């Protein structure tokens, strides 16, 4: 019998909330949970009426067929993908998946190109080369040329082929920081300074021998005290590099504050929110988000972007300036690209792209048993699909075959794309 558990995935020992009972041991474990009812999905079950009977009591759990037609469709079609699912989704007009993959390949290449440029810059900075300022500024101006203007932007999830190492972290932080700064109304000059600060915020790591260390490992005491002190020293060294290059005080200040937290628990100066500049607040938030998505340490658990955002808001919001955190959530959406989600019809999907102006209606890749992954259905939820996102999913709530199909990223990286020209007066209303 195939069942659906309507409880949190940490409230039971099974690897997923939806699965087929295959042994008496599983049944006994299920009975021991003390659940009042367990949903059965007839379309995925084998001889379930003969085995258990409609509404038959089994210990303290009632195995019953859901009486609601809508819920019945949701369970039988969404949880596993029946034949009716294929017919239902065939009527939906999906995006051209091959064209989409071609576009993402372009953004992958663009991200890797910036990574390569930054790698050369990092080597120049490590040598103390004073000529590094011009290529740093040129790189940020090139990104701003794509970013600025009265047009909508879409944020795309890149493929798992990109996103390894310190260089990817820096580029990711720079991209997201400038996007957030734009959404908060920073001027072109301020965006340029923010971009330079993001580009150089970890430049001092090599000088202090901390290029292999990551903030999450340090925060969770996964390194020695000597390594922790060395790691914290990279902030001052990064500021020194910015000053040697003759960059503005605003750039140096933002770099100095990228590990400060609004409640005073950051370092090196334990500043409070009112003591921090806006660009420092932006950099501190984006750096934290990026590190939680890409912890870079085997002892730190991977989380989906939705889980990271939920964690920042529920457990750590005291660490960040409220206007900056609010603006970040409004830009990325509650379900940023890379999030695993359940749609309103019960089907499972992964968020691939969000429009910054309409983040609650993203583009998602749908899991379907009837369709090969290379031809997966991409749905733009803004385009009259009648669907919305019901909830976010953790990897542990999703069956292995769904994870294999959707392939959530081990390294979450983003790039942006211009959309149609936007009437900014309407966007603000």
Protein backbone atom coordinates (compact mmCIF):
# COMPACT_ATOMS: atom_id res chain seq x y z
CA UNK A 1 0.00 0.00 0.00
CA UNK A 2 1.30 3.45 -0.94
CA UNK A 3 0.74 6.04 1.81
CA UNK A 4 1.17 9.75 2.51
CA UNK A 5 2.15 10.93 6.02
CA UNK A 6 0.78 14.40 6.79
CA UNK A 7 3.35 15.16 9.46
CA UNK A 8 6.74 16.83 9.42
CA UNK A 9 9.54 14.67 8.07
CA UNK A 10 11.39 14.85 11.41
CA UNK A 11 8.39 13.29 13.17
CA UNK A 12 8.88 9.84 11.71
CA UNK A 13 11.86 7.56 10.88
CA UNK A 14 11.02 6.94 7.22
CA UNK A 15 13.21 8.50 4.48
CA UNK A 16 10.21 10.22 2.82
CA UNK A 17 6.63 11.24 3.59
CA UNK A 18 5.25 9.26 0.62
CA UNK A 19 6.22 5.61 0.16
CA UNK A 20 4.92 2.09 -0.34
CA UNK A 21 4.70 -0.18 2.70
CA UNK A 22 6.76 -3.19 1.75
CA UNK A 23 7.16 -5.11 5.02
CA UNK A 24 5.50 -5.96 8.31
CA UNK A 25 8.32 -4.12 10.12
CA UNK A 26 7.39 -0.89 8.35
CA UNK A 27 3.76 -1.41 9.30
CA UNK A 28 4.65 -1.93 12.96
CA UNK A 29 6.82 1.20 12.91
CA UNK A 30 3.91 3.10 11.40
CA UNK A 31 1.55 1.86 14.10
CA UNK A 32 4.00 2.93 16.79
CA UNK A 33 3.79 6.58 15.68
CA UNK A 34 0.31 6.94 17.20
CA UNK A 35 -1.16 8.72 14.18
CA UNK A 36 -4.91 9.14 14.01
CA UNK A 37 -5.01 8.59 10.26
CA UNK A 38 -2.74 7.83 7.32
CA UNK A 39 -3.64 8.69 3.75
CA UNK A 40 -3.67 5.84 1.26
CA UNK A 41 -3.06 6.52 -2.43
CA UNK A 42 -5.00 3.87 -4.36
CA UNK A 43 -3.43 4.65 -7.73
CA UNK A 44 0.00 3.70 -6.37
CA UNK A 45 -1.09 0.78 -4.19
CA UNK A 46 -1.24 -2.96 -4.85
CA UNK A 47 -4.47 -4.70 -3.74
CA UNK A 48 -4.96 -2.23 -0.92
CA UNK A 49 -8.67 -2.97 -0.27
CA UNK A 50 -7.94 -6.67 0.10
CA UNK A 51 -4.99 -6.04 2.37
CA UNK A 52 -6.48 -3.49 4.71
CA UNK A 53 -10.06 -2.70 3.73
CA UNK A 54 -11.57 0.73 3.32
CA UNK A 55 -11.50 2.54 6.64
CA UNK A 56 -10.24 -0.53 8.50
CA UNK A 57 -8.52 0.09 11.82
CA UNK A 58 -4.89 -0.99 12.04
CA UNK A 59 -3.68 -0.42 15.57
CA UNK A 60 -4.19 3.28 16.30
CA UNK A 61 -4.00 4.38 12.66
CA UNK A 62 -6.90 4.49 10.22
CA UNK A 63 -6.01 3.69 6.63
CA UNK A 64 -8.60 5.39 4.51
CA UNK A 65 -9.24 6.61 1.02
CA UNK A 66 -9.63 10.42 1.09
CA UNK A 67 -13.27 11.32 0.48
CA UNK A 68 -12.50 14.66 -1.17
CA UNK A 69 -12.29 14.34 -4.99
CA UNK A 70 -9.83 17.23 -5.14
CA UNK A 71 -7.64 15.73 -2.45
CA UNK A 72 -7.92 12.33 -4.10
CA UNK A 73 -6.64 13.76 -7.38
CA UNK A 74 -3.88 15.58 -5.55
CA UNK A 75 -2.68 12.43 -3.84
CA UNK A 76 -3.05 9.94 -6.66
CA UNK A 77 -1.57 12.24 -9.30
CA UNK A 78 0.76 14.57 -7.48
CA UNK A 79 2.55 12.24 -5.12
CA UNK A 80 3.78 9.77 -7.66
CA UNK A 81 2.66 10.55 -11.17
CA UNK A 82 -0.17 8.44 -12.54
CA UNK A 83 -1.37 8.22 -16.10
CA UNK A 84 -3.92 10.98 -15.47
CA UNK A 85 -1.05 13.22 -14.38
CA UNK A 86 0.48 12.89 -17.80
CA UNK A 87 -2.76 13.86 -19.51
CA UNK A 88 -3.34 16.76 -17.13
CA UNK A 89 0.12 18.23 -17.62
CA UNK A 90 0.14 17.58 -21.35
CA UNK A 91 -2.50 20.30 -21.67
CA UNK A 92 -0.23 22.81 -19.95
CA UNK A 93 2.02 24.82 -22.18
CA UNK A 94 5.52 24.40 -20.82
CA UNK A 95 8.61 26.37 -21.75
CA UNK A 96 10.94 24.98 -24.40
CA UNK A 97 13.29 22.93 -22.23
CA UNK A 98 16.06 22.74 -24.83
CA UNK A 99 16.01 26.49 -25.32
CA UNK A 100 16.02 26.91 -21.55
CA UNK A 101 19.05 24.65 -21.14
CA UNK A 102 20.83 26.66 -23.83
CA UNK A 103 20.16 29.88 -21.94
CA UNK A 104 21.39 28.40 -18.65
CA UNK A 105 24.53 27.16 -20.40
CA UNK A 106 25.19 30.77 -21.45
CA UNK A 107 24.78 32.00 -17.85
CA UNK A 108 26.99 29.14 -16.60
CA UNK A 109 29.69 30.31 -19.00
CA UNK A 110 29.21 33.94 -17.94
CA UNK A 111 29.56 33.03 -14.26
CA UNK A 112 32.67 30.95 -14.94
CA UNK A 113 34.14 33.77 -17.03
CA UNK A 114 33.80 36.16 -14.07
CA UNK A 115 35.29 33.47 -11.80
CA UNK A 116 38.31 33.21 -14.09
CA UNK A 117 38.80 36.98 -14.13
CA UNK A 118 38.55 37.08 -10.35
CA UNK A 119 41.11 34.27 -10.02
CA UNK A 120 43.61 36.41 -11.95
CA UNK A 121 42.72 39.42 -9.79
CA UNK A 122 43.22 37.41 -6.60
CA UNK A 123 46.71 36.49 -7.74
CA UNK A 124 47.49 40.14 -8.46
CA UNK A 125 46.19 41.17 -5.06
CA UNK A 126 48.20 38.47 -3.30
CA UNK A 127 51.35 39.90 -4.94
CA UNK A 128 50.42 43.39 -3.77
CA UNK A 129 50.04 44.53 -7.37
CA UNK A 130 48.72 48.11 -7.32
CA UNK A 131 47.54 47.74 -10.92
CA UNK A 132 44.70 45.46 -9.75
CA UNK A 133 42.31 48.37 -9.20
CA UNK A 134 41.56 48.99 -12.86
CA UNK A 135 40.56 45.39 -13.73
CA UNK A 136 38.49 45.18 -10.51
CA UNK A 137 36.55 48.30 -11.48
CA UNK A 138 36.23 47.15 -15.09
CA UNK A 139 34.72 43.83 -14.01
CA UNK A 140 32.12 45.49 -11.77
CA UNK A 141 31.24 48.06 -14.44
CA UNK A 142 30.72 45.23 -16.94
CA UNK A 143 28.26 43.56 -14.55
CA UNK A 144 26.49 46.86 -13.86
CA UNK A 145 26.01 47.44 -17.58
CA UNK A 146 23.83 44.33 -17.60
CA UNK A 147 22.14 45.15 -14.30
CA UNK A 148 21.21 48.83 -14.57
CA UNK A 149 18.18 50.25 -16.33
CA UNK A 150 14.39 50.25 -16.06
CA UNK A 151 13.78 46.62 -16.87
CA UNK A 152 12.74 43.54 -14.99
CA UNK A 153 15.35 41.01 -13.94
CA UNK A 154 15.12 37.26 -13.59
CA UNK A 155 17.42 35.36 -11.26
CA UNK A 156 18.42 31.96 -12.65
CA UNK A 157 19.67 28.86 -10.89
CA UNK A 158 22.84 27.69 -12.61
CA UNK A 159 23.78 24.09 -13.32
CA UNK A 160 25.75 21.97 -10.87
CA UNK A 161 28.78 22.27 -13.15
CA UNK A 162 29.62 25.63 -11.58
CA UNK A 163 30.00 26.73 -8.00
CA UNK A 164 33.08 25.08 -6.54
CA UNK A 165 35.50 26.87 -4.24
CA UNK A 166 36.28 30.33 -2.96
CA UNK A 167 36.13 32.05 -6.35
CA UNK A 168 32.52 30.93 -6.86
CA UNK A 169 31.62 32.22 -3.39
CA UNK A 170 32.98 35.66 -4.22
CA UNK A 171 31.18 35.87 -7.57
CA UNK A 172 27.92 34.62 -6.03
CA UNK A 173 28.12 37.24 -3.27
CA UNK A 174 28.89 39.99 -5.78
CA UNK A 175 25.96 39.05 -8.04
CA UNK A 176 23.42 38.82 -5.19
CA UNK A 177 24.71 41.94 -3.41
CA UNK A 178 24.35 44.11 -6.51
CA UNK A 179 20.90 42.66 -7.21
CA UNK A 180 19.82 43.42 -3.64
CA UNK A 181 21.35 46.89 -3.77
CA UNK A 182 19.48 47.62 -6.99
CA UNK A 183 16.19 46.45 -5.48
CA UNK A 184 16.79 48.75 -2.48
CA UNK A 185 17.30 51.78 -4.71
CA UNK A 186 21.06 52.31 -4.48
CA UNK A 187 22.52 54.74 -7.00
CA UNK A 188 24.89 53.66 -9.75
CA UNK A 189 27.87 54.94 -7.76
CA UNK A 190 26.73 53.07 -4.65
CA UNK A 191 26.16 49.89 -6.64
CA UNK A 192 29.67 50.16 -8.04
CA UNK A 193 31.10 50.56 -4.53
CA UNK A 194 29.00 47.66 -3.24
CA UNK A 195 30.15 45.47 -6.13
CA UNK A 196 33.82 46.28 -5.42
CA UNK A 197 33.34 45.56 -1.71
CA UNK A 198 31.72 42.21 -2.54
CA UNK A 199 34.51 41.38 -4.97
CA UNK A 200 37.22 42.11 -2.39
CA UNK A 201 35.50 41.07 0.86
CA UNK A 202 37.56 37.87 1.18
CA UNK A 203 40.66 39.06 -0.67
CA UNK A 204 42.67 38.99 2.57
CA UNK A 205 42.18 35.27 3.14
CA UNK A 206 45.23 34.28 1.14
CA UNK A 207 47.44 36.77 3.00
CA UNK A 208 46.53 35.30 6.42
CA UNK A 209 46.57 31.66 5.27
CA UNK A 210 42.81 31.20 5.62
CA UNK A 211 41.76 30.56 2.03
CA UNK A 212 40.59 27.04 2.97
CA UNK A 213 38.54 28.15 5.99
CA UNK A 214 34.84 28.97 5.95
CA UNK A 215 32.75 31.06 8.32
CA UNK A 216 30.23 28.32 9.11
CA UNK A 217 32.94 25.90 10.20
CA UNK A 218 34.45 28.63 12.39
CA UNK A 219 31.09 29.62 13.89
CA UNK A 220 30.28 26.02 14.75
CA UNK A 221 33.71 25.49 16.37
CA UNK A 222 34.78 22.97 13.76
CA UNK A 223 38.29 24.46 13.63
CA UNK A 224 41.04 25.11 16.17
CA UNK A 225 41.35 28.36 18.12
CA UNK A 226 44.46 29.27 16.12
CA UNK A 227 42.56 28.78 12.86
CA UNK A 228 39.64 30.84 14.17
CA UNK A 229 41.91 33.81 14.96
CA UNK A 230 43.62 33.50 11.61
CA UNK A 231 40.27 33.39 9.83
CA UNK A 232 38.96 36.47 11.61
CA UNK A 233 42.14 38.31 10.61
CA UNK A 234 41.12 38.19 6.94
CA UNK A 235 38.64 41.04 7.45
CA UNK A 236 41.33 43.55 8.40
CA UNK A 237 43.62 42.33 5.64
CA UNK A 238 40.85 42.69 3.06
CA UNK A 239 40.26 46.27 4.23
CA UNK A 240 44.00 46.97 3.91
CA UNK A 241 43.95 45.70 0.33
CA UNK A 242 41.06 48.01 -0.57
CA UNK A 243 42.89 50.95 0.99
CA UNK A 244 46.15 50.14 -0.83
CA UNK A 245 44.18 50.17 -4.09
CA UNK A 246 42.93 53.65 -3.27
CA UNK A 247 39.26 52.65 -3.18
CA UNK A 248 36.70 54.79 -1.39
CA UNK A 249 36.01 54.76 2.34
CA UNK A 250 32.56 53.33 1.58
CA UNK A 251 34.13 50.27 -0.06
CA UNK A 252 36.52 49.73 2.85
CA UNK A 253 33.71 50.18 5.40
CA UNK A 254 31.44 47.63 3.70
CA UNK A 255 34.31 45.11 3.63
CA UNK A 256 35.06 45.79 7.31
CA UNK A 257 31.44 45.06 8.22
CA UNK A 258 30.75 41.93 6.17
CA UNK A 259 31.02 39.72 9.28
CA UNK A 260 29.27 42.14 11.64
CA UNK A 261 25.76 41.25 12.80
CA UNK A 262 23.03 43.68 13.82
CA UNK A 263 22.80 42.28 17.36
CA UNK A 264 26.49 42.85 18.11
CA UNK A 265 27.48 39.18 17.92
CA UNK A 266 29.60 39.53 14.78
CA UNK A 267 33.28 40.42 14.42
CA UNK A 268 35.74 42.11 14.54
CA UNK A 269 34.11 45.14 16.26
CA UNK A 270 30.79 43.66 17.48
CA UNK A 271 28.83 46.50 15.88
CA UNK A 272 25.10 46.99 16.32
CA UNK A 273 22.69 47.65 13.44
CA UNK A 274 22.73 51.42 13.98
CA UNK A 275 26.54 51.43 13.74
CA UNK A 276 26.58 49.69 10.35
CA UNK A 277 26.33 51.24 6.89
CA UNK A 278 23.66 49.97 4.49
CA UNK A 279 26.23 48.41 2.17
CA UNK A 280 27.80 46.60 5.13
CA UNK A 281 24.36 45.30 6.14
CA UNK A 282 23.72 44.04 2.61
CA UNK A 283 27.09 42.32 2.38
CA UNK A 284 26.69 40.69 5.82
CA UNK A 285 23.31 39.22 4.88
CA UNK A 286 24.27 38.00 1.40
CA UNK A 287 27.53 36.48 2.65
CA UNK A 288 25.61 34.56 5.35
CA UNK A 289 22.96 33.35 2.89
CA UNK A 290 25.57 32.19 0.39
CA UNK A 291 27.59 30.31 3.00
CA UNK A 292 24.51 28.54 4.35
CA UNK A 293 23.57 27.45 0.82
CA UNK A 294 27.17 26.37 0.11
CA UNK A 295 28.75 25.52 3.47
CA UNK A 296 31.97 24.16 1.99
CA UNK A 297 32.52 21.83 4.94
CA UNK A 298 31.57 18.18 5.16
CA UNK A 299 30.38 18.50 8.76
CA UNK A 300 27.82 21.21 7.87
CA UNK A 301 24.54 19.90 6.49
CA UNK A 302 23.36 21.04 3.08
CA UNK A 303 20.06 22.90 2.94
CA UNK A 304 17.83 24.04 0.11
CA UNK A 305 17.63 27.82 -0.47
CA UNK A 306 14.09 27.85 0.97
CA UNK A 307 15.33 26.17 4.15
CA UNK A 308 18.20 28.66 4.39
CA UNK A 309 15.87 31.63 3.99
CA UNK A 310 13.47 30.17 6.57
CA UNK A 311 16.38 29.66 8.96
CA UNK A 312 17.61 33.23 8.48
CA UNK A 313 14.13 34.58 9.18
CA UNK A 314 13.06 32.31 12.02
CA UNK A 315 16.31 31.71 13.91
CA UNK A 316 18.73 34.46 12.90
CA UNK A 317 16.71 37.52 11.94
CA UNK A 318 18.09 39.37 14.97
CA UNK A 319 21.47 39.27 13.24
CA UNK A 320 20.36 41.29 10.23
CA UNK A 321 18.86 44.71 9.62
CA UNK A 322 15.11 44.14 9.20
CA UNK A 323 14.73 46.32 6.06
CA UNK A 324 17.58 44.46 4.34
CA UNK A 325 16.25 41.01 5.22
CA UNK A 326 12.76 42.02 4.10
CA UNK A 327 14.08 43.38 0.80
CA UNK A 328 16.08 40.19 0.22
CA UNK A 329 13.03 37.97 0.75
CA UNK A 330 10.95 40.21 -1.51
CA UNK A 331 13.62 39.93 -4.22
CA UNK A 332 14.34 36.21 -3.99
CA UNK A 333 10.84 35.12 -3.03
CA UNK A 334 10.01 32.75 -0.19
CA UNK A 335 11.20 29.96 -2.50
CA UNK A 336 14.48 31.10 -4.11
CA UNK A 337 15.84 29.27 -7.17
CA UNK A 338 17.08 25.85 -6.12
CA UNK A 339 14.23 25.26 -3.65
CA UNK A 340 12.28 21.99 -3.70
CA UNK A 341 8.54 22.64 -3.53
CA UNK A 342 5.13 21.01 -3.57
CA UNK A 343 2.60 22.65 -5.88
CA UNK A 344 -1.09 23.20 -5.17
CA UNK A 345 -2.01 20.03 -7.07
CA UNK A 346 0.37 17.93 -4.95
CA UNK A 347 3.08 17.58 -7.61
CA UNK A 348 6.73 18.09 -6.75
CA UNK A 349 9.07 20.50 -8.48
CA UNK A 350 12.24 22.57 -8.18
CA UNK A 351 12.32 26.34 -8.59
CA UNK A 352 14.56 27.27 -11.51
CA UNK A 353 14.10 31.03 -11.88
CA UNK A 354 12.33 33.97 -10.24
CA UNK A 355 11.31 37.31 -11.67
CA UNK A 356 12.53 39.89 -9.16
CA UNK A 357 9.27 41.83 -9.58
CA UNK A 358 7.03 38.74 -9.21
CA UNK A 359 8.97 36.23 -7.10
CA UNK A 360 5.91 34.28 -5.92
CA UNK A 361 5.25 32.99 -9.45
CA UNK A 362 8.57 31.39 -10.45
CA UNK A 363 9.54 29.03 -13.22
CA UNK A 364 9.63 25.45 -11.89
CA UNK A 365 10.77 22.10 -13.25
CA UNK A 366 8.08 19.49 -12.62
CA UNK A 367 8.70 15.90 -11.60
CA UNK A 368 6.76 13.52 -13.87
CA UNK A 369 7.21 9.77 -14.07
CA UNK A 370 5.92 9.73 -17.66
CA UNK A 371 8.46 12.25 -19.01
CA UNK A 372 12.24 11.71 -19.29
CA UNK A 373 14.33 14.23 -17.36
CA UNK A 374 15.99 15.55 -20.51
CA UNK A 375 12.52 16.63 -21.66
CA UNK A 376 11.26 17.72 -18.22
CA UNK A 377 8.28 20.07 -18.12
CA UNK A 378 9.17 23.66 -17.23
CA UNK A 379 6.20 25.69 -16.04
CA UNK A 380 6.06 29.45 -15.63
CA UNK A 381 3.55 29.78 -12.79
CA UNK A 382 2.83 33.35 -13.84
CA UNK A 383 1.45 32.22 -17.20
CA UNK A 384 -2.03 31.04 -16.25
CA UNK A 385 -1.20 27.51 -15.10
CA UNK A 386 -3.67 27.77 -12.24
CA UNK A 387 -0.96 26.45 -9.93
CA UNK A 388 0.86 27.98 -7.01
CA UNK A 389 3.42 26.75 -4.50
CA UNK A 390 1.84 25.07 -1.49
CA UNK A 391 4.96 24.56 0.61
CA UNK A 392 8.69 24.05 0.54
CA UNK A 393 10.22 20.59 0.84
CA UNK A 394 13.41 19.39 2.49
CA UNK A 395 15.40 16.72 0.62
CA UNK A 396 14.42 14.23 3.33
CA UNK A 397 10.75 14.72 2.46
CA UNK A 398 11.25 13.77 -1.18
CA UNK A 399 11.58 10.20 -2.52
CA UNK A 400 14.96 9.26 -3.98
CA UNK A 401 13.58 8.95 -7.51
CA UNK A 402 12.26 12.52 -7.33
CA UNK A 403 15.62 13.81 -6.06
CA UNK A 404 17.40 11.99 -8.87
CA UNK A 405 15.03 13.54 -11.40
CA UNK A 406 15.03 17.13 -10.11
CA UNK A 407 18.72 17.02 -9.16
CA UNK A 408 18.86 19.72 -6.45
CA UNK A 409 22.15 21.58 -6.61
CA UNK A 410 25.04 20.69 -4.38
CA UNK A 411 26.41 24.16 -5.14
CA UNK A 412 23.78 26.88 -5.48
CA UNK A 413 24.89 29.67 -7.81
CA UNK A 414 22.92 32.44 -9.48
CA UNK A 415 23.07 34.78 -12.40
CA UNK A 416 20.59 37.33 -13.69
CA UNK A 417 18.94 38.10 -17.01
CA UNK A 418 17.23 41.18 -18.33
CA UNK A 419 13.53 40.83 -19.04
CA UNK A 420 11.11 43.20 -20.75
CA UNK A 421 11.31 46.96 -20.18
CA UNK A 422 9.54 47.83 -16.95
CA UNK A 423 7.38 50.83 -16.08
CA UNK A 424 9.00 51.53 -12.69
CA UNK A 425 6.12 53.74 -11.53
CA UNK A 426 3.76 50.77 -11.89
CA UNK A 427 6.24 48.40 -10.25
CA UNK A 428 6.38 50.57 -7.13
CA UNK A 429 2.60 51.04 -6.88
